[in-house]
Structure formats: structure tokens, C-alpha cells
Amino acid sequence: CYLSKDYGKTWQTIFDLATVTTGIGVHMHGACFDP
């Protein structure tokens, strides 16, 4: 999962699924910024 703090000008990786599961067949789904 990637985050921009400046309306999409610059980006950083903030979440890596490989650090929380070793499940075969998994991949990322949704993301939401909760104001």
C-alpha cells in the first residue's frame, strides 16, 4: 500500500503484506483514509 501526503506529488510504501502473513494466494484488496 502506498501513501502520498501532498496530493499525489510524492509517494512512499507504508504497508507490506509479506510482513503480516505467509498465506499462499493472498494479495492486497482495499484501502481507506478515515478522516
PDB file of all heavy atoms in Angstrom:
ATOM      1  N   CYS A   1       0.866  -1.180   0.000  1.00  0.00           N
ATOM      2  CA  CYS A   1       0.000   0.000   0.000  1.00  0.00           C
ATOM      3  C   CYS A   1       0.898   1.224   0.000  1.00  0.00           C
ATOM      4  O   CYS A   1       1.897   1.272   0.724  1.00  0.00           O
ATOM      5  CB  CYS A   1      -0.913   0.016   1.221  1.00  0.00           C
ATOM      6  SG  CYS A   1      -2.001   1.470   1.315  1.00  0.00           S
ATOM      7  N   TYR A   2       0.529   2.224  -0.822  1.00  0.00           N
ATOM      8  CA  TYR A   2       1.339   3.426  -0.987  1.00  0.00           C
ATOM      9  C   TYR A   2       0.545   4.645  -0.511  1.00  0.00           C
ATOM     10  O   TYR A   2      -0.666   4.713  -0.668  1.00  0.00           O
ATOM     11  CB  TYR A   2       1.723   3.621  -2.453  1.00  0.00           C
ATOM     12  CG  TYR A   2       2.256   2.379  -3.120  1.00  0.00           C
ATOM     13  CD1 TYR A   2       1.396   1.525  -3.827  1.00  0.00           C
ATOM     14  CD2 TYR A   2       3.603   2.036  -3.052  1.00  0.00           C
ATOM     15  CE1 TYR A   2       1.873   0.381  -4.446  1.00  0.00           C
ATOM     16  CE2 TYR A   2       4.086   0.892  -3.659  1.00  0.00           C
ATOM     17  CZ  TYR A   2       3.214   0.071  -4.351  1.00  0.00           C
ATOM     18  OH  TYR A   2       3.687  -1.069  -4.953  1.00  0.00           O
ATOM     19  N   LEU A   3       1.278   5.629   0.027  1.00  0.00           N
ATOM     20  CA  LEU A   3       0.659   6.853   0.542  1.00  0.00           C
ATOM     21  C   LEU A   3       1.356   8.076  -0.036  1.00  0.00           C
ATOM     22  O   LEU A   3       2.585   8.154  -0.071  1.00  0.00           O
ATOM     23  CB  LEU A   3       0.749   6.896   2.065  1.00  0.00           C
ATOM     24  CG  LEU A   3       0.363   8.222   2.740  1.00  0.00           C
ATOM     25  CD1 LEU A   3      -1.121   8.514   2.573  1.00  0.00           C
ATOM     26  CD2 LEU A   3       0.748   8.204   4.219  1.00  0.00           C
ATOM     27  N   SER A   4       0.539   9.031  -0.464  1.00  0.00           N
ATOM     28  CA  SER A   4       1.028  10.371  -0.793  1.00  0.00           C
ATOM     29  C   SER A   4       0.421  11.350   0.199  1.00  0.00           C
ATOM     30  O   SER A   4      -0.772  11.277   0.499  1.00  0.00           O
ATOM     31  CB  SER A   4       0.626  10.764  -2.217  1.00  0.00           C
ATOM     32  OG  SER A   4       0.955  12.126  -2.458  1.00  0.00           O
ATOM     33  N   LYS A   5       1.233  12.263   0.695  1.00  0.00           N
ATOM     34  CA  LYS A   5       0.765  13.273   1.648  1.00  0.00           C
ATOM     35  C   LYS A   5       0.632  14.644   0.993  1.00  0.00           C
ATOM     36  O   LYS A   5       0.338  15.626   1.677  1.00  0.00           O
ATOM     37  CB  LYS A   5       1.731  13.372   2.827  1.00  0.00           C
ATOM     38  CG  LYS A   5       1.958  12.068   3.565  1.00  0.00           C
ATOM     39  CD  LYS A   5       3.026  12.242   4.646  1.00  0.00           C
ATOM     40  CE  LYS A   5       3.367  10.925   5.307  1.00  0.00           C
ATOM     41  NZ  LYS A   5       4.456  11.070   6.317  1.00  0.00           N
ATOM     42  N   ASP A   6       0.887  14.712  -0.299  1.00  0.00           N
ATOM     43  CA  ASP A   6       0.918  16.006  -0.984  1.00  0.00           C
ATOM     44  C   ASP A   6       0.146  15.968  -2.304  1.00  0.00           C
ATOM     45  O   ASP A   6       0.640  16.414  -3.323  1.00  0.00           O
ATOM     46  CB  ASP A   6       2.360  16.463  -1.200  1.00  0.00           C
ATOM     47  CG  ASP A   6       3.219  15.403  -1.905  1.00  0.00           C
ATOM     48  OD1 ASP A   6       2.639  14.420  -2.429  1.00  0.00           O
ATOM     49  OD2 ASP A   6       4.447  15.550  -1.924  1.00  0.00           O
ATOM     50  N   TYR A   7      -1.050  15.410  -2.260  1.00  0.00           N
ATOM     51  CA  TYR A   7      -1.935  15.371  -3.426  1.00  0.00           C
ATOM     52  C   TYR A   7      -1.337  14.578  -4.588  1.00  0.00           C
ATOM     53  O   TYR A   7      -1.614  14.857  -5.745  1.00  0.00           O
ATOM     54  CB  TYR A   7      -2.281  16.786  -3.900  1.00  0.00           C
ATOM     55  CG  TYR A   7      -3.040  17.616  -2.899  1.00  0.00           C
ATOM     56  CD1 TYR A   7      -2.371  18.493  -2.045  1.00  0.00           C
ATOM     57  CD2 TYR A   7      -4.429  17.540  -2.803  1.00  0.00           C
ATOM     58  CE1 TYR A   7      -3.066  19.271  -1.121  1.00  0.00           C
ATOM     59  CE2 TYR A   7      -5.135  18.313  -1.885  1.00  0.00           C
ATOM     60  CZ  TYR A   7      -4.442  19.166  -1.046  1.00  0.00           C
ATOM     61  OH  TYR A   7      -5.121  19.933  -0.136  1.00  0.00           O
ATOM     62  N   GLY A   8      -0.525  13.567  -4.289  1.00  0.00           N
ATOM     63  CA  GLY A   8      -0.010  12.699  -5.335  1.00  0.00           C
ATOM     64  C   GLY A   8       1.311  13.106  -5.941  1.00  0.00           C
ATOM     65  O   GLY A   8       1.763  12.488  -6.906  1.00  0.00           O
ATOM     66  N   LYS A   9       1.971  14.107  -5.386  1.00  0.00           N
ATOM     67  CA  LYS A   9       3.263  14.528  -5.944  1.00  0.00           C
ATOM     68  C   LYS A   9       4.361  13.521  -5.608  1.00  0.00           C
ATOM     69  O   LYS A   9       5.168  13.167  -6.461  1.00  0.00           O
ATOM     70  CB  LYS A   9       3.646  15.914  -5.405  1.00  0.00           C
ATOM     71  CG  LYS A   9       2.746  17.040  -5.865  1.00  0.00           C
ATOM     72  CD  LYS A   9       3.203  18.369  -5.279  1.00  0.00           C
ATOM     73  CE  LYS A   9       2.288  19.502  -5.698  1.00  0.00           C
ATOM     74  NZ  LYS A   9       2.707  20.802  -5.101  1.00  0.00           N
ATOM     75  N   THR A  10       4.414  13.086  -4.358  1.00  0.00           N
ATOM     76  CA  THR A  10       5.434  12.128  -3.928  1.00  0.00           C
ATOM     77  C   THR A  10       4.759  10.973  -3.209  1.00  0.00           C
ATOM     78  O   THR A  10       3.665  11.125  -2.648  1.00  0.00           O
ATOM     79  CB  THR A  10       6.466  12.783  -2.991  1.00  0.00           C
ATOM     80  OG1 THR A  10       5.791  13.296  -1.825  1.00  0.00           O
ATOM     81  CG2 THR A  10       7.181  13.920  -3.695  1.00  0.00           C
ATOM     82  N   TRP A  11       5.440   9.803  -3.190  1.00  0.00           N
ATOM     83  CA  TRP A  11       4.847   8.582  -2.672  1.00  0.00           C
ATOM     84  C   TRP A  11       5.818   7.821  -1.794  1.00  0.00           C
ATOM     85  O   TRP A  11       7.031   7.921  -1.956  1.00  0.00           O
ATOM     86  CB  TRP A  11       4.395   7.685  -3.820  1.00  0.00           C
ATOM     87  CG  TRP A  11       3.297   8.277  -4.635  1.00  0.00           C
ATOM     88  CD1 TRP A  11       3.417   9.172  -5.666  1.00  0.00           C
ATOM     89  CD2 TRP A  11       1.893   8.056  -4.464  1.00  0.00           C
ATOM     90  NE1 TRP A  11       2.184   9.514  -6.154  1.00  0.00           N
ATOM     91  CE2 TRP A  11       1.231   8.839  -5.440  1.00  0.00           C
ATOM     92  CE3 TRP A  11       1.144   7.268  -3.594  1.00  0.00           C
ATOM     93  CZ2 TRP A  11      -0.149   8.852  -5.560  1.00  0.00           C
ATOM     94  CZ3 TRP A  11      -0.236   7.278  -3.723  1.00  0.00           C
ATOM     95  CH2 TRP A  11      -0.870   8.070  -4.696  1.00  0.00           C
ATOM     96  N   GLN A  12       5.248   7.047  -0.848  1.00  0.00           N
ATOM     97  CA  GLN A  12       6.044   6.145  -0.032  1.00  0.00           C
ATOM     98  C   GLN A  12       5.265   4.860   0.200  1.00  0.00           C
ATOM     99  O   GLN A  12       4.036   4.856   0.216  1.00  0.00           O
ATOM    100  CB  GLN A  12       6.391   6.784   1.319  1.00  0.00           C
ATOM    101  CG  GLN A  12       5.164   7.071   2.189  1.00  0.00           C
ATOM    102  CD  GLN A  12       5.511   7.782   3.483  1.00  0.00           C
ATOM    103  OE1 GLN A  12       5.148   8.929   3.693  1.00  0.00           O
ATOM    104  NE2 GLN A  12       6.218   7.088   4.347  1.00  0.00           N
ATOM    105  N   THR A  13       5.982   3.755   0.354  1.00  0.00           N
ATOM    106  CA  THR A  13       5.364   2.475   0.675  1.00  0.00           C
ATOM    107  C   THR A  13       5.137   2.405   2.175  1.00  0.00           C
ATOM    108  O   THR A  13       6.078   2.583   2.959  1.00  0.00           O
ATOM    109  CB  THR A  13       6.263   1.304   0.234  1.00  0.00           C
ATOM    110  OG1 THR A  13       6.500   1.409  -1.166  1.00  0.00           O
ATOM    111  CG2 THR A  13       5.599  -0.024   0.533  1.00  0.00           C
ATOM    112  N   ILE A  14       3.889   2.156   2.606  1.00  0.00           N
ATOM    113  CA  ILE A  14       3.590   2.176   4.041  1.00  0.00           C
ATOM    114  C   ILE A  14       3.142   0.825   4.583  1.00  0.00           C
ATOM    115  O   ILE A  14       3.076   0.642   5.806  1.00  0.00           O
ATOM    116  CB  ILE A  14       2.524   3.236   4.377  1.00  0.00           C
ATOM    117  CG1 ILE A  14       1.216   2.951   3.616  1.00  0.00           C
ATOM    118  CG2 ILE A  14       3.042   4.635   4.075  1.00  0.00           C
ATOM    119  CD1 ILE A  14       0.040   3.794   4.089  1.00  0.00           C
ATOM    120  N   PHE A  15       2.793  -0.125   3.706  1.00  0.00           N
ATOM    121  CA  PHE A  15       2.320  -1.427   4.176  1.00  0.00           C
ATOM    122  C   PHE A  15       2.843  -2.511   3.248  1.00  0.00           C
ATOM    123  O   PHE A  15       2.795  -2.371   2.027  1.00  0.00           O
ATOM    124  CB  PHE A  15       0.786  -1.471   4.200  1.00  0.00           C
ATOM    125  CG  PHE A  15       0.204  -2.746   4.770  1.00  0.00           C
ATOM    126  CD1 PHE A  15       0.051  -2.901   6.136  1.00  0.00           C
ATOM    127  CD2 PHE A  15      -0.185  -3.779   3.933  1.00  0.00           C
ATOM    128  CE1 PHE A  15      -0.487  -4.071   6.666  1.00  0.00           C
ATOM    129  CE2 PHE A  15      -0.723  -4.953   4.441  1.00  0.00           C
ATOM    130  CZ  PHE A  15      -0.867  -5.100   5.821  1.00  0.00           C
ATOM    131  N   ASP A  16       3.347  -3.593   3.858  1.00  0.00           N
ATOM    132  CA  ASP A  16       3.861  -4.733   3.107  1.00  0.00           C
ATOM    133  C   ASP A  16       3.181  -5.984   3.627  1.00  0.00           C
ATOM    134  O   ASP A  16       3.395  -6.391   4.771  1.00  0.00           O
ATOM    135  CB  ASP A  16       5.378  -4.831   3.269  1.00  0.00           C
ATOM    136  CG  ASP A  16       5.971  -5.999   2.490  1.00  0.00           C
ATOM    137  OD1 ASP A  16       5.225  -6.746   1.840  1.00  0.00           O
ATOM    138  OD2 ASP A  16       7.210  -6.149   2.541  1.00  0.00           O
ATOM    139  N   LEU A  17       2.351  -6.590   2.797  1.00  0.00           N
ATOM    140  CA  LEU A  17       1.583  -7.772   3.193  1.00  0.00           C
ATOM    141  C   LEU A  17       2.489  -8.922   3.614  1.00  0.00           C
ATOM    142  O   LEU A  17       2.104  -9.740   4.463  1.00  0.00           O
ATOM    143  CB  LEU A  17       0.679  -8.183   2.035  1.00  0.00           C
ATOM    144  CG  LEU A  17      -0.282  -9.350   2.234  1.00  0.00           C
ATOM    145  CD1 LEU A  17      -1.168  -9.134   3.444  1.00  0.00           C
ATOM    146  CD2 LEU A  17      -1.131  -9.534   0.978  1.00  0.00           C
ATOM    147  N   ALA A  18       3.673  -8.988   3.062  1.00  0.00           N
ATOM    148  CA  ALA A  18       4.589 -10.082   3.382  1.00  0.00           C
ATOM    149  C   ALA A  18       5.044 -10.061   4.840  1.00  0.00           C
ATOM    150  O   ALA A  18       5.524 -11.066   5.361  1.00  0.00           O
ATOM    151  CB  ALA A  18       5.804 -10.031   2.469  1.00  0.00           C
ATOM    152  N   THR A  19       4.857  -8.921   5.520  1.00  0.00           N
ATOM    153  CA  THR A  19       5.283  -8.830   6.919  1.00  0.00           C
ATOM    154  C   THR A  19       4.217  -9.308   7.892  1.00  0.00           C
ATOM    155  O   THR A  19       4.502  -9.450   9.087  1.00  0.00           O
ATOM    156  CB  THR A  19       5.653  -7.372   7.271  1.00  0.00           C
ATOM    157  OG1 THR A  19       4.480  -6.546   7.166  1.00  0.00           O
ATOM    158  CG2 THR A  19       6.738  -6.853   6.339  1.00  0.00           C
ATOM    159  N   VAL A  20       2.994  -9.557   7.400  1.00  0.00           N
ATOM    160  CA  VAL A  20       1.916  -9.942   8.315  1.00  0.00           C
ATOM    161  C   VAL A  20       1.318 -11.304   8.002  1.00  0.00           C
ATOM    162  O   VAL A  20       0.532 -11.823   8.793  1.00  0.00           O
ATOM    163  CB  VAL A  20       0.790  -8.885   8.347  1.00  0.00           C
ATOM    164  CG1 VAL A  20       1.320  -7.551   8.852  1.00  0.00           C
ATOM    165  CG2 VAL A  20       0.144  -8.719   6.973  1.00  0.00           C
ATOM    166  N   THR A  21       1.640 -11.892   6.864  1.00  0.00           N
ATOM    167  CA  THR A  21       1.113 -13.213   6.529  1.00  0.00           C
ATOM    168  C   THR A  21       2.041 -13.916   5.555  1.00  0.00           C
ATOM    169  O   THR A  21       2.716 -13.272   4.761  1.00  0.00           O
ATOM    170  CB  THR A  21      -0.294 -13.126   5.901  1.00  0.00           C
ATOM    171  OG1 THR A  21      -0.751 -14.447   5.590  1.00  0.00           O
ATOM    172  CG2 THR A  21      -0.291 -12.302   4.638  1.00  0.00           C
ATOM    173  N   THR A  22       2.055 -15.227   5.644  1.00  0.00           N
ATOM    174  CA  THR A  22       2.771 -16.056   4.679  1.00  0.00           C
ATOM    175  C   THR A  22       1.773 -16.899   3.889  1.00  0.00           C
ATOM    176  O   THR A  22       2.141 -17.884   3.269  1.00  0.00           O
ATOM    177  CB  THR A  22       3.774 -16.985   5.386  1.00  0.00           C
ATOM    178  OG1 THR A  22       3.071 -17.778   6.356  1.00  0.00           O
ATOM    179  CG2 THR A  22       4.854 -16.179   6.081  1.00  0.00           C
ATOM    180  N   GLY A  23       0.502 -16.510   3.942  1.00  0.00           N
ATOM    181  CA  GLY A  23      -0.548 -17.283   3.299  1.00  0.00           C
ATOM    182  C   GLY A  23      -0.385 -17.362   1.794  1.00  0.00           C
ATOM    183  O   GLY A  23      -0.173 -16.352   1.119  1.00  0.00           O
ATOM    184  N   ILE A  24      -0.458 -18.549   1.246  1.00  0.00           N
ATOM    185  CA  ILE A  24      -0.369 -18.745  -0.189  1.00  0.00           C
ATOM    186  C   ILE A  24      -1.646 -18.240  -0.846  1.00  0.00           C
ATOM    187  O   ILE A  24      -2.755 -18.528  -0.396  1.00  0.00           O
ATOM    188  CB  ILE A  24      -0.152 -20.229  -0.517  1.00  0.00           C
ATOM    189  CG1 ILE A  24       1.165 -20.708   0.093  1.00  0.00           C
ATOM    190  CG2 ILE A  24      -0.153 -20.456  -2.027  1.00  0.00           C
ATOM    191  CD1 ILE A  24       1.351 -22.209   0.022  1.00  0.00           C
ATOM    192  N   GLY A  25      -1.507 -17.474  -1.928  1.00  0.00           N
ATOM    193  CA  GLY A  25      -2.663 -16.986  -2.663  1.00  0.00           C
ATOM    194  C   GLY A  25      -3.190 -15.641  -2.217  1.00  0.00           C
ATOM    195  O   GLY A  25      -4.164 -15.153  -2.780  1.00  0.00           O
ATOM    196  N   VAL A  26      -2.579 -15.010  -1.221  1.00  0.00           N
ATOM    197  CA  VAL A  26      -3.085 -13.724  -0.745  1.00  0.00           C
ATOM    198  C   VAL A  26      -2.608 -12.582  -1.638  1.00  0.00           C
ATOM    199  O   VAL A  26      -1.592 -12.686  -2.324  1.00  0.00           O
ATOM    200  CB  VAL A  26      -2.652 -13.442   0.713  1.00  0.00           C
ATOM    201  CG1 VAL A  26      -3.253 -14.445   1.666  1.00  0.00           C
ATOM    202  CG2 VAL A  26      -1.135 -13.408   0.834  1.00  0.00           C
ATOM    203  N   HIS A  27      -3.358 -11.492  -1.600  1.00  0.00           N
ATOM    204  CA  HIS A  27      -2.923 -10.237  -2.200  1.00  0.00           C
ATOM    205  C   HIS A  27      -3.734  -9.099  -1.578  1.00  0.00           C
ATOM    206  O   HIS A  27      -4.693  -9.316  -0.848  1.00  0.00           O
ATOM    207  CB  HIS A  27      -3.030 -10.252  -3.727  1.00  0.00           C
ATOM    208  CG  HIS A  27      -4.426 -10.363  -4.268  1.00  0.00           C
ATOM    209  ND1 HIS A  27      -4.720 -10.235  -5.603  1.00  0.00           N
ATOM    210  CD2 HIS A  27      -5.630 -10.595  -3.667  1.00  0.00           C
ATOM    211  CE1 HIS A  27      -6.006 -10.373  -5.811  1.00  0.00           C
ATOM    212  NE2 HIS A  27      -6.590 -10.599  -4.649  1.00  0.00           N
ATOM    213  N   MET A  28      -3.328  -7.862  -1.863  1.00  0.00           N
ATOM    214  CA  MET A  28      -3.982  -6.702  -1.291  1.00  0.00           C
ATOM    215  C   MET A  28      -5.361  -6.491  -1.901  1.00  0.00           C
ATOM    216  O   MET A  28      -5.602  -6.821  -3.071  1.00  0.00           O
ATOM    217  CB  MET A  28      -3.135  -5.446  -1.523  1.00  0.00           C
ATOM    218  CG  MET A  28      -1.825  -5.422  -0.752  1.00  0.00           C
ATOM    219  SD  MET A  28      -2.057  -5.455   1.045  1.00  0.00           S
ATOM    220  CE  MET A  28      -2.901  -3.890   1.308  1.00  0.00           C
ATOM    221  N   HIS A  29      -6.256  -5.922  -1.101  1.00  0.00           N
ATOM    222  CA  HIS A  29      -7.592  -5.563  -1.563  1.00  0.00           C
ATOM    223  C   HIS A  29      -7.830  -4.069  -1.373  1.00  0.00           C
ATOM    224  O   HIS A  29      -7.430  -3.271  -2.194  1.00  0.00           O
ATOM    225  CB  HIS A  29      -8.644  -6.380  -0.816  1.00  0.00           C
ATOM    226  CG  HIS A  29      -8.872  -7.738  -1.391  1.00  0.00           C
ATOM    227  ND1 HIS A  29      -9.796  -8.627  -0.885  1.00  0.00           N
ATOM    228  CD2 HIS A  29      -8.307  -8.368  -2.444  1.00  0.00           C
ATOM    229  CE1 HIS A  29      -9.778  -9.744  -1.591  1.00  0.00           C
ATOM    230  NE2 HIS A  29      -8.887  -9.609  -2.534  1.00  0.00           N
ATOM    231  N   GLY A  30      -8.482  -3.685  -0.281  1.00  0.00           N
ATOM    232  CA  GLY A  30      -8.948  -2.316  -0.135  1.00  0.00           C
ATOM    233  C   GLY A  30      -8.059  -1.437   0.716  1.00  0.00           C
ATOM    234  O   GLY A  30      -7.237  -1.903   1.492  1.00  0.00           O
ATOM    235  N   ALA A  31      -8.257  -0.127   0.558  1.00  0.00           N
ATOM    236  CA  ALA A  31      -7.598   0.876   1.395  1.00  0.00           C
ATOM    237  C   ALA A  31      -8.550   2.046   1.576  1.00  0.00           C
ATOM    238  O   ALA A  31      -9.337   2.365   0.676  1.00  0.00           O
ATOM    239  CB  ALA A  31      -6.297   1.350   0.769  1.00  0.00           C
ATOM    240  N   CYS A  32      -8.490   2.672   2.734  1.00  0.00           N
ATOM    241  CA  CYS A  32      -9.381   3.807   3.007  1.00  0.00           C
ATOM    242  C   CYS A  32      -8.718   4.756   3.991  1.00  0.00           C
ATOM    243  O   CYS A  32      -8.217   4.321   5.041  1.00  0.00           O
ATOM    244  CB  CYS A  32     -10.709   3.315   3.586  1.00  0.00           C
ATOM    245  SG  CYS A  32     -11.858   4.626   4.088  1.00  0.00           S
ATOM    246  N   PHE A  33      -8.712   6.046   3.660  1.00  0.00           N
ATOM    247  CA  PHE A  33      -8.308   7.060   4.632  1.00  0.00           C
ATOM    248  C   PHE A  33      -9.556   7.488   5.389  1.00  0.00           C
ATOM    249  O   PHE A  33     -10.527   7.968   4.802  1.00  0.00           O
ATOM    250  CB  PHE A  33      -7.661   8.265   3.962  1.00  0.00           C
ATOM    251  CG  PHE A  33      -7.055   9.221   4.954  1.00  0.00           C
ATOM    252  CD1 PHE A  33      -5.740   9.085   5.356  1.00  0.00           C
ATOM    253  CD2 PHE A  33      -7.814  10.241   5.517  1.00  0.00           C
ATOM    254  CE1 PHE A  33      -5.184   9.941   6.296  1.00  0.00           C
ATOM    255  CE2 PHE A  33      -7.282  11.107   6.459  1.00  0.00           C
ATOM    256  CZ  PHE A  33      -5.953  10.951   6.852  1.00  0.00           C
ATOM    257  N   ASP A  34      -9.537   7.290   6.692  1.00  0.00           N
ATOM    258  CA  ASP A  34     -10.678   7.553   7.568  1.00  0.00           C
ATOM    259  C   ASP A  34     -10.488   8.920   8.218  1.00  0.00           C
ATOM    260  O   ASP A  34      -9.716   9.069   9.161  1.00  0.00           O
ATOM    261  CB  ASP A  34     -10.734   6.449   8.633  1.00  0.00           C
ATOM    262  CG  ASP A  34     -11.887   6.595   9.601  1.00  0.00           C
ATOM    263  OD1 ASP A  34     -12.511   7.674   9.647  1.00  0.00           O
ATOM    264  OD2 ASP A  34     -12.154   5.633  10.342  1.00  0.00           O
ATOM    265  N   PRO A  35     -11.187   9.970   7.734  1.00  0.00           N
ATOM    266  CA  PRO A  35     -10.968  11.317   8.270  1.00  0.00           C
ATOM    267  C   PRO A  35     -11.536  11.528   9.664  1.00  0.00           C
ATOM    268  O   PRO A  35     -11.168  12.498  10.345  1.00  0.00           O
ATOM    269  CB  PRO A  35     -11.678  12.211   7.252  1.00  0.00           C
ATOM    270  CG  PRO A  35     -12.765  11.354   6.704  1.00  0.00           C
ATOM    271  CD  PRO A  35     -12.189   9.961   6.657  1.00  0.00           C
TER     272      PRO A  35
END
